[in-house]
Amino acid sequence: MNSIEQLQTWLENLVIAKPDHGVMRQVQKNLNLLCKTDGGLGKLEPLLVKLAGMQRTLNPRTKERAALVFAADHGVMAERVSRFRAPDSLHMVKGILLGRTAVGVLAQRAGIPLSCWDVGLRGEIARLPGAVHTLHRAKVTQGTRNIAVGPAMTGEQCAEALLAGCRAVRELPEGTKLVVLGEMGMGNTTIAAALSAVYFGLEPEQVVGAGAGNRNLVMKTDVVRRALKANPVHKNHPLDLLTALGGLEVSALAGACLQAAAQGFGIILDGFVTSVSALTACCFKPGVKEYLVASHLSPEPGHRRVVQALELAPLMELDLRVGEGAGALLVIPLLDQAVALLNGMASFTDLGIHPEK
């Protein structure tokens, strides 16, 4: 059985349960009884209701949790869409493993196990003395091809990357409640912009942003335009779309979203790239959307459109563009505090207070 057949079998058998709406209604009632104004916890209230529904409990938990970072290189870097070089993806992954990049520091500080999955880096990482996070080797191929001139990969390579994302989630410890998603791959905001342009039928100018610091947006926009012309695909065919315009880490992220939703995990998205990957997962299985949490809104113009399409309310807007999964890790303490409020606050009645109705 080749990878496309394996993917089809997996998707056919993948069941994503609907959240428990009875639990969700009861948690909202419980929130309304707490000693606060109606809706006083703002965006935290629908978030708590959502967590309760996906976990099917009146007392949702944020532990245990894990972080997954998928890494790959992109052929479109030949078009100089980033001020960084293609080999810098490999260097950054080493930094992640050593706990020296944003996501590496935050995961270590929070005590959250972080696994970095190499699904398509050019080059190999040998034994890394001093590593504090885990490397998993699941390389499909040494990076993708240049989308400005043709398809990023073959259908079998795309399917293999999707299945690698599934495997990464399946290997998480029993009892996991939340999975934080991140990525590393120089040039991948160009990939996210191209995918977004197809999903929303927009011109490249409407979705292209600076990414990791591109100062020539006109050139980057032109690259996306050329990619769309070289790869005419339809948004309703997600495997074809990922094959033509995607990345290996983007495909793996989509696979991780699908499997995480099937296992009932809350999926904490980071920025533009992880969000586009989640949108792609929803094209395979719409039920994924019920398990997504948007950590923040980045300055990338396409990101806002993606979170709106997913009907998500980002918890922060800090103009983050660091990627890696750092923004998603930043909201973990907020989620912890939100759950503590739900489970620990008294009601007005408990305090002898009887507000007018």
Protein backbone atom coordinates (compact mmCIF):
# COMPACT_ATOMS: atom_id res chain seq x y z
CA MET A 1 0.00 0.00 0.00
CA ASN A 2 1.54 3.32 -1.05
CA SER A 3 1.34 6.48 1.05
CA ILE A 4 -1.68 7.89 -0.81
CA GLU A 5 -3.61 4.67 -0.21
CA GLN A 6 -2.55 4.70 3.45
CA LEU A 7 -3.73 8.30 3.72
CA GLN A 8 -7.09 7.50 2.14
CA THR A 9 -7.60 4.56 4.49
CA TRP A 10 -6.69 6.66 7.51
CA LEU A 11 -9.04 9.48 6.51
CA GLU A 12 -11.90 7.08 5.77
CA ASN A 13 -11.58 5.58 9.25
CA LEU A 14 -10.90 8.84 11.09
CA VAL A 15 -13.80 9.78 13.36
CA ILE A 16 -13.94 13.23 14.96
CA ALA A 17 -16.58 13.34 17.65
CA LYS A 18 -18.69 16.43 18.13
CA PRO A 19 -18.09 18.27 21.41
CA ASP A 20 -20.57 17.56 24.20
CA HIS A 21 -23.04 20.43 23.84
CA GLY A 22 -24.86 19.48 27.03
CA VAL A 23 -21.64 19.95 28.98
CA MET A 24 -21.01 23.22 27.16
CA ARG A 25 -24.42 24.61 28.13
CA GLN A 26 -23.92 23.61 31.76
CA VAL A 27 -20.46 25.19 31.95
CA GLN A 28 -21.90 28.43 30.57
CA LYS A 29 -24.58 28.30 33.27
CA ASN A 30 -21.87 27.70 35.89
CA LEU A 31 -19.90 30.67 34.60
CA ASN A 32 -22.98 32.87 34.82
CA LEU A 33 -23.34 32.01 38.52
CA LEU A 34 -19.80 33.00 39.50
CA CYS A 35 -19.12 36.20 41.45
CA LYS A 36 -18.49 38.43 38.44
CA THR A 37 -20.42 40.49 35.96
CA ASP A 38 -22.13 38.68 33.08
CA GLY A 39 -19.44 37.89 30.54
CA GLY A 40 -16.87 39.38 32.89
CA LEU A 41 -14.15 36.96 31.85
CA GLY A 42 -14.42 38.10 28.24
CA LYS A 43 -12.92 35.75 25.64
CA LEU A 44 -12.01 33.32 28.40
CA GLU A 45 -15.63 32.30 28.86
CA PRO A 46 -16.29 30.85 25.38
CA LEU A 47 -12.81 29.35 25.55
CA LEU A 48 -13.66 27.52 28.78
CA VAL A 49 -16.96 26.36 27.33
CA LYS A 50 -15.11 25.04 24.28
CA LEU A 51 -12.48 23.22 26.35
CA ALA A 52 -15.21 21.64 28.48
CA GLY A 53 -17.10 20.47 25.39
CA MET A 54 -14.08 18.87 23.75
CA GLN A 55 -13.01 17.19 27.02
CA ARG A 56 -16.62 16.25 27.88
CA THR A 57 -16.31 17.41 31.47
CA LEU A 58 -17.58 20.26 33.65
CA ASN A 59 -14.03 20.66 34.98
CA PRO A 60 -11.71 20.93 31.97
CA ARG A 61 -7.97 20.54 32.42
CA THR A 62 -4.94 22.05 30.74
CA LYS A 63 -2.54 19.34 31.84
CA GLU A 64 -1.06 17.24 30.41
CA ARG A 65 0.15 19.18 27.37
CA ALA A 66 2.88 18.83 24.75
CA ALA A 67 4.42 20.91 21.98
CA LEU A 68 5.03 19.64 18.45
CA VAL A 69 7.21 21.60 16.02
CA PHE A 70 7.44 20.40 12.42
CA ALA A 71 10.42 21.46 10.33
CA ALA A 72 11.15 21.43 6.60
CA ASP A 73 12.81 23.43 3.86
CA HIS A 74 11.23 25.09 0.84
CA GLY A 75 12.36 25.26 -2.77
CA VAL A 76 10.77 28.71 -3.09
CA MET A 77 13.74 30.06 -1.11
CA ALA A 78 15.51 30.09 -4.48
CA GLU A 79 13.40 33.17 -5.22
CA ARG A 80 14.92 35.05 -2.26
CA VAL A 81 11.58 35.48 -0.50
CA SER A 82 13.33 35.79 2.86
CA ARG A 83 16.30 37.71 4.17
CA PHE A 84 17.51 34.42 5.65
CA ARG A 85 19.22 31.57 3.81
CA ALA A 86 17.76 28.11 3.27
CA PRO A 87 20.35 26.41 5.57
CA ASP A 88 19.15 28.63 8.42
CA SER A 89 16.17 26.31 8.97
CA LEU A 90 18.59 23.61 10.09
CA HIS A 91 20.47 26.03 12.33
CA MET A 92 17.22 27.18 13.93
CA VAL A 93 16.13 23.60 14.62
CA LYS A 94 19.41 23.03 16.42
CA GLY A 95 18.63 26.15 18.48
CA ILE A 96 15.17 24.81 19.29
CA LEU A 97 16.60 21.50 20.47
CA LEU A 98 19.14 23.31 22.64
CA GLY A 99 16.40 25.44 24.19
CA ARG A 100 17.88 28.64 22.79
CA THR A 101 15.14 29.88 20.44
CA ALA A 102 11.82 31.44 21.47
CA VAL A 103 9.84 28.20 21.47
CA GLY A 104 12.70 26.29 23.04
CA VAL A 105 13.03 28.75 25.91
CA LEU A 106 9.29 28.96 26.56
CA ALA A 107 8.73 25.20 26.49
CA GLN A 108 11.60 24.58 28.87
CA ARG A 109 10.48 27.32 31.24
CA ALA A 110 6.91 25.98 31.28
CA GLY A 111 8.04 22.38 31.70
CA ILE A 112 6.24 21.38 28.52
CA PRO A 113 7.80 18.50 26.56
CA LEU A 114 8.73 19.67 23.07
CA SER A 115 9.32 17.36 20.12
CA CYS A 116 10.72 18.68 16.85
CA TRP A 117 9.87 16.55 13.82
CA ASP A 118 12.17 16.79 10.81
CA VAL A 119 9.86 16.03 7.90
CA GLY A 120 11.90 17.74 5.20
CA LEU A 121 15.03 19.64 6.25
CA ARG A 122 17.93 19.80 3.83
CA GLY A 123 20.72 18.20 5.78
CA GLU A 124 20.87 16.12 8.91
CA ILE A 125 21.27 16.85 12.60
CA ALA A 126 23.70 14.48 14.23
CA ARG A 127 23.95 13.90 17.95
CA LEU A 128 23.55 17.29 19.62
CA PRO A 129 25.24 17.55 23.05
CA GLY A 130 23.25 19.71 25.44
CA ALA A 131 19.90 19.21 23.72
CA VAL A 132 16.95 19.70 26.09
CA HIS A 133 14.21 18.90 23.58
CA THR A 134 13.64 15.85 21.39
CA LEU A 135 14.32 15.39 17.68
CA HIS A 136 12.26 12.91 15.67
CA ARG A 137 13.46 11.97 12.19
CA ALA A 138 10.57 11.48 9.76
CA LYS A 139 12.12 13.04 6.67
CA VAL A 140 10.02 12.65 3.54
CA THR A 141 12.54 14.30 1.25
CA GLN A 142 15.21 16.99 1.38
CA GLY A 143 12.86 19.95 1.10
CA THR A 144 10.25 20.80 -1.51
CA ARG A 145 10.63 22.11 -5.03
CA ASN A 146 10.12 25.73 -6.08
CA ILE A 147 6.37 26.48 -6.24
CA ALA A 148 7.05 29.47 -8.49
CA VAL A 149 7.79 27.09 -11.36
CA GLY A 150 5.79 23.96 -10.53
CA PRO A 151 4.38 21.68 -7.83
CA ALA A 152 6.05 21.65 -4.44
CA MET A 153 6.05 17.86 -4.18
CA THR A 154 4.45 14.66 -5.38
CA GLY A 155 1.15 13.40 -4.07
CA GLU A 156 2.90 10.50 -2.32
CA GLN A 157 5.32 12.86 -0.58
CA CYS A 158 2.43 15.03 0.60
CA ALA A 159 0.55 12.00 1.90
CA GLU A 160 3.65 10.78 3.71
CA ALA A 161 4.04 14.16 5.42
CA LEU A 162 0.37 14.17 6.48
CA LEU A 163 0.82 10.72 7.97
CA ALA A 164 3.96 11.86 9.81
CA GLY A 165 1.84 14.51 11.54
CA CYS A 166 -0.66 11.83 12.51
CA ARG A 167 2.13 9.67 13.92
CA ALA A 168 3.54 12.55 15.97
CA VAL A 169 0.21 12.99 17.76
CA ARG A 170 -0.31 9.27 18.26
CA GLU A 171 3.05 9.11 20.04
CA LEU A 172 2.11 11.74 22.62
CA PRO A 173 1.77 10.47 26.20
CA GLU A 174 -1.51 9.05 27.41
CA GLY A 175 -3.56 11.68 29.20
CA THR A 176 -2.55 14.56 26.95
CA LYS A 177 -5.21 17.28 26.89
CA LEU A 178 -3.62 20.06 24.84
CA VAL A 179 -1.19 20.01 21.92
CA VAL A 180 0.71 23.17 21.02
CA LEU A 181 1.65 23.39 17.34
CA GLY A 182 4.64 25.16 15.82
CA GLU A 183 6.79 25.12 12.71
CA MET A 184 10.22 25.94 11.35
CA GLY A 185 10.97 26.41 7.68
CA MET A 186 12.47 29.46 6.03
CA GLY A 187 10.08 30.78 3.39
CA ASN A 188 6.95 29.17 4.80
CA THR A 189 4.92 32.39 5.07
CA THR A 190 5.19 32.51 1.26
CA ILE A 191 3.65 29.04 1.24
CA ALA A 192 0.92 30.13 3.67
CA ALA A 193 0.16 33.20 1.54
CA ALA A 194 -0.16 31.12 -1.64
CA LEU A 195 -2.51 28.67 0.06
CA SER A 196 -4.58 31.52 1.50
CA ALA A 197 -4.89 33.18 -1.89
CA VAL A 198 -6.45 29.97 -3.24
CA TYR A 199 -8.71 29.38 -0.25
CA PHE A 200 -10.19 32.88 -0.34
CA GLY A 201 -9.91 33.67 -4.04
CA LEU A 202 -7.78 36.73 -3.28
CA GLU A 203 -5.00 38.54 -5.06
CA PRO A 204 -1.50 37.93 -3.64
CA GLU A 205 -1.31 41.55 -2.46
CA GLN A 206 -4.14 40.84 -0.04
CA VAL A 207 -2.41 37.97 1.80
CA VAL A 208 1.35 38.53 1.49
CA GLY A 209 3.17 39.98 4.49
CA ALA A 210 6.73 40.49 5.67
CA GLY A 211 7.01 37.08 7.31
CA ALA A 212 10.37 36.78 9.06
CA GLY A 213 11.45 40.13 7.72
CA ASN A 214 11.20 40.33 3.92
CA ARG A 215 11.76 43.95 2.95
CA ASN A 216 10.74 43.48 -0.69
CA LEU A 217 7.05 42.69 -0.56
CA VAL A 218 6.64 43.47 -4.26
CA MET A 219 9.03 40.66 -5.14
CA LYS A 220 7.47 38.25 -2.64
CA THR A 221 4.01 39.07 -3.98
CA ASP A 222 5.18 38.42 -7.52
CA VAL A 223 6.54 35.03 -6.48
CA VAL A 224 3.15 34.08 -5.04
CA ARG A 225 1.45 35.26 -8.23
CA ARG A 226 3.79 33.12 -10.34
CA ALA A 227 3.17 30.14 -8.05
CA LEU A 228 -0.60 30.46 -8.48
CA LYS A 229 -0.20 30.64 -12.25
CA ALA A 230 2.15 27.65 -12.32
CA ASN A 231 -0.13 25.57 -10.09
CA PRO A 232 -3.82 26.00 -10.94
CA VAL A 233 -5.60 24.07 -8.18
CA HIS A 234 -9.01 24.20 -6.51
CA LYS A 235 -9.54 24.86 -2.82
CA ASN A 236 -11.93 21.91 -2.52
CA HIS A 237 -9.13 19.42 -3.22
CA PRO A 238 -6.86 19.76 -0.18
CA LEU A 239 -4.42 16.98 -1.10
CA ASP A 240 -3.90 18.46 -4.57
CA LEU A 241 -3.59 21.94 -3.06
CA LEU A 242 -0.93 20.87 -0.54
CA THR A 243 0.91 18.92 -3.22
CA ALA A 244 1.06 21.93 -5.52
CA LEU A 245 1.60 24.83 -3.13
CA GLY A 246 2.23 23.42 0.32
CA GLY A 247 5.20 22.50 2.43
CA LEU A 248 6.17 19.28 4.11
CA GLU A 249 5.82 20.84 7.56
CA VAL A 250 2.51 22.44 6.55
CA SER A 251 1.23 19.02 5.47
CA ALA A 252 2.48 17.41 8.68
CA LEU A 253 0.74 20.12 10.72
CA ALA A 254 -2.51 19.41 8.89
CA GLY A 255 -2.12 15.72 9.68
CA ALA A 256 -1.42 16.54 13.33
CA CYS A 257 -4.59 18.65 13.52
CA LEU A 258 -6.68 15.83 12.10
CA GLN A 259 -5.33 13.22 14.51
CA ALA A 260 -5.42 15.56 17.53
CA ALA A 261 -9.08 16.36 16.90
CA ALA A 262 -9.87 12.66 16.55
CA GLN A 263 -8.23 12.05 19.95
CA GLY A 264 -10.16 14.93 21.53
CA PHE A 265 -7.16 17.17 22.17
CA GLY A 266 -7.37 20.93 22.30
CA ILE A 267 -5.19 22.23 19.45
CA ILE A 268 -3.37 25.48 20.29
CA LEU A 269 -2.45 27.23 17.05
CA ASP A 270 0.39 29.69 16.71
CA GLY A 271 0.47 32.11 13.77
CA PHE A 272 -0.20 32.25 10.05
CA VAL A 273 1.44 28.97 9.03
CA THR A 274 -0.15 26.75 11.70
CA SER A 275 -3.52 28.39 11.10
CA VAL A 276 -3.42 27.75 7.34
CA SER A 277 -2.47 24.17 8.11
CA ALA A 278 -5.49 23.88 10.42
CA LEU A 279 -7.74 25.34 7.72
CA THR A 280 -6.43 22.68 5.36
CA ALA A 281 -7.20 20.00 7.94
CA CYS A 282 -10.75 21.34 8.10
CA CYS A 283 -11.04 20.85 4.34
CA PHE A 284 -10.36 17.15 4.90
CA LYS A 285 -12.61 16.92 7.98
CA PRO A 286 -14.71 19.98 8.98
CA GLY A 287 -15.06 18.69 12.54
CA VAL A 288 -11.45 19.69 13.27
CA LYS A 289 -12.63 23.28 13.74
CA GLU A 290 -14.34 22.43 17.03
CA TYR A 291 -10.96 21.60 18.61
CA LEU A 292 -8.97 24.67 17.53
CA VAL A 293 -7.80 27.54 19.73
CA ALA A 294 -6.14 30.62 18.19
CA SER A 295 -3.42 31.85 20.51
CA HIS A 296 -2.76 35.19 18.84
CA LEU A 297 -3.24 37.33 15.76
CA SER A 298 -0.06 38.12 13.86
CA PRO A 299 0.55 41.11 11.57
CA GLU A 300 0.42 38.88 8.49
CA PRO A 301 -2.60 40.07 6.47
CA GLY A 302 -3.54 36.54 5.51
CA HIS A 303 -3.65 35.39 9.13
CA ARG A 304 -6.65 37.53 10.00
CA ARG A 305 -8.61 36.07 7.09
CA VAL A 306 -7.75 32.52 8.13
CA VAL A 307 -8.83 32.90 11.77
CA GLN A 308 -12.04 34.57 10.61
CA ALA A 309 -12.74 31.65 8.27
CA LEU A 310 -12.14 29.27 11.18
CA GLU A 311 -14.47 31.39 13.36
CA LEU A 312 -11.78 31.74 16.03
CA ALA A 313 -11.16 34.60 18.44
CA PRO A 314 -7.40 35.03 18.98
CA LEU A 315 -6.53 35.43 22.66
CA MET A 316 -3.72 37.93 22.09
CA GLU A 317 -2.67 40.54 19.56
CA LEU A 318 0.97 41.34 20.27
CA ASP A 319 2.25 41.75 16.69
CA LEU A 320 4.22 38.54 17.09
CA ARG A 321 5.98 37.27 13.98
CA VAL A 322 8.52 34.94 15.58
CA GLY A 323 6.72 31.74 14.55
CA GLU A 324 8.01 28.40 15.87
CA GLY A 325 4.98 27.95 18.16
CA ALA A 326 6.13 30.66 20.57
CA GLY A 327 2.83 32.56 20.56
CA ALA A 328 0.93 29.36 21.27
CA LEU A 329 3.15 28.63 24.28
CA LEU A 330 2.68 32.16 25.59
CA VAL A 331 -1.05 31.54 26.12
CA ILE A 332 -0.61 28.34 28.13
CA PRO A 333 -0.35 30.21 31.47
CA LEU A 334 -3.48 32.12 30.49
CA LEU A 335 -5.33 28.86 29.87
CA ASP A 336 -4.14 27.55 33.23
CA GLN A 337 -5.48 30.64 34.99
CA ALA A 338 -8.77 30.48 33.10
CA VAL A 339 -9.39 26.90 34.23
CA ALA A 340 -8.42 27.85 37.79
CA LEU A 341 -11.07 30.60 37.73
CA LEU A 342 -13.77 28.24 36.52
CA ASN A 343 -12.96 25.63 39.12
CA GLY A 344 -12.12 27.92 42.03
CA MET A 345 -14.31 31.03 41.99
CA ALA A 346 -17.23 31.28 44.37
CA SER A 347 -20.76 32.10 43.29
CA PHE A 348 -22.53 35.25 44.47
CA THR A 349 -24.75 33.01 46.61
CA ASP A 350 -21.68 31.50 48.28
CA LEU A 351 -20.65 35.01 49.32
CA GLY A 352 -24.10 36.04 50.50
CA ILE A 353 -24.60 38.40 47.57
CA HIS A 354 -27.97 38.51 45.78
CA PRO A 355 -27.80 40.91 42.80
CA GLU A 356 -31.00 42.10 41.22
CA LYS A 357 -32.11 40.17 38.18
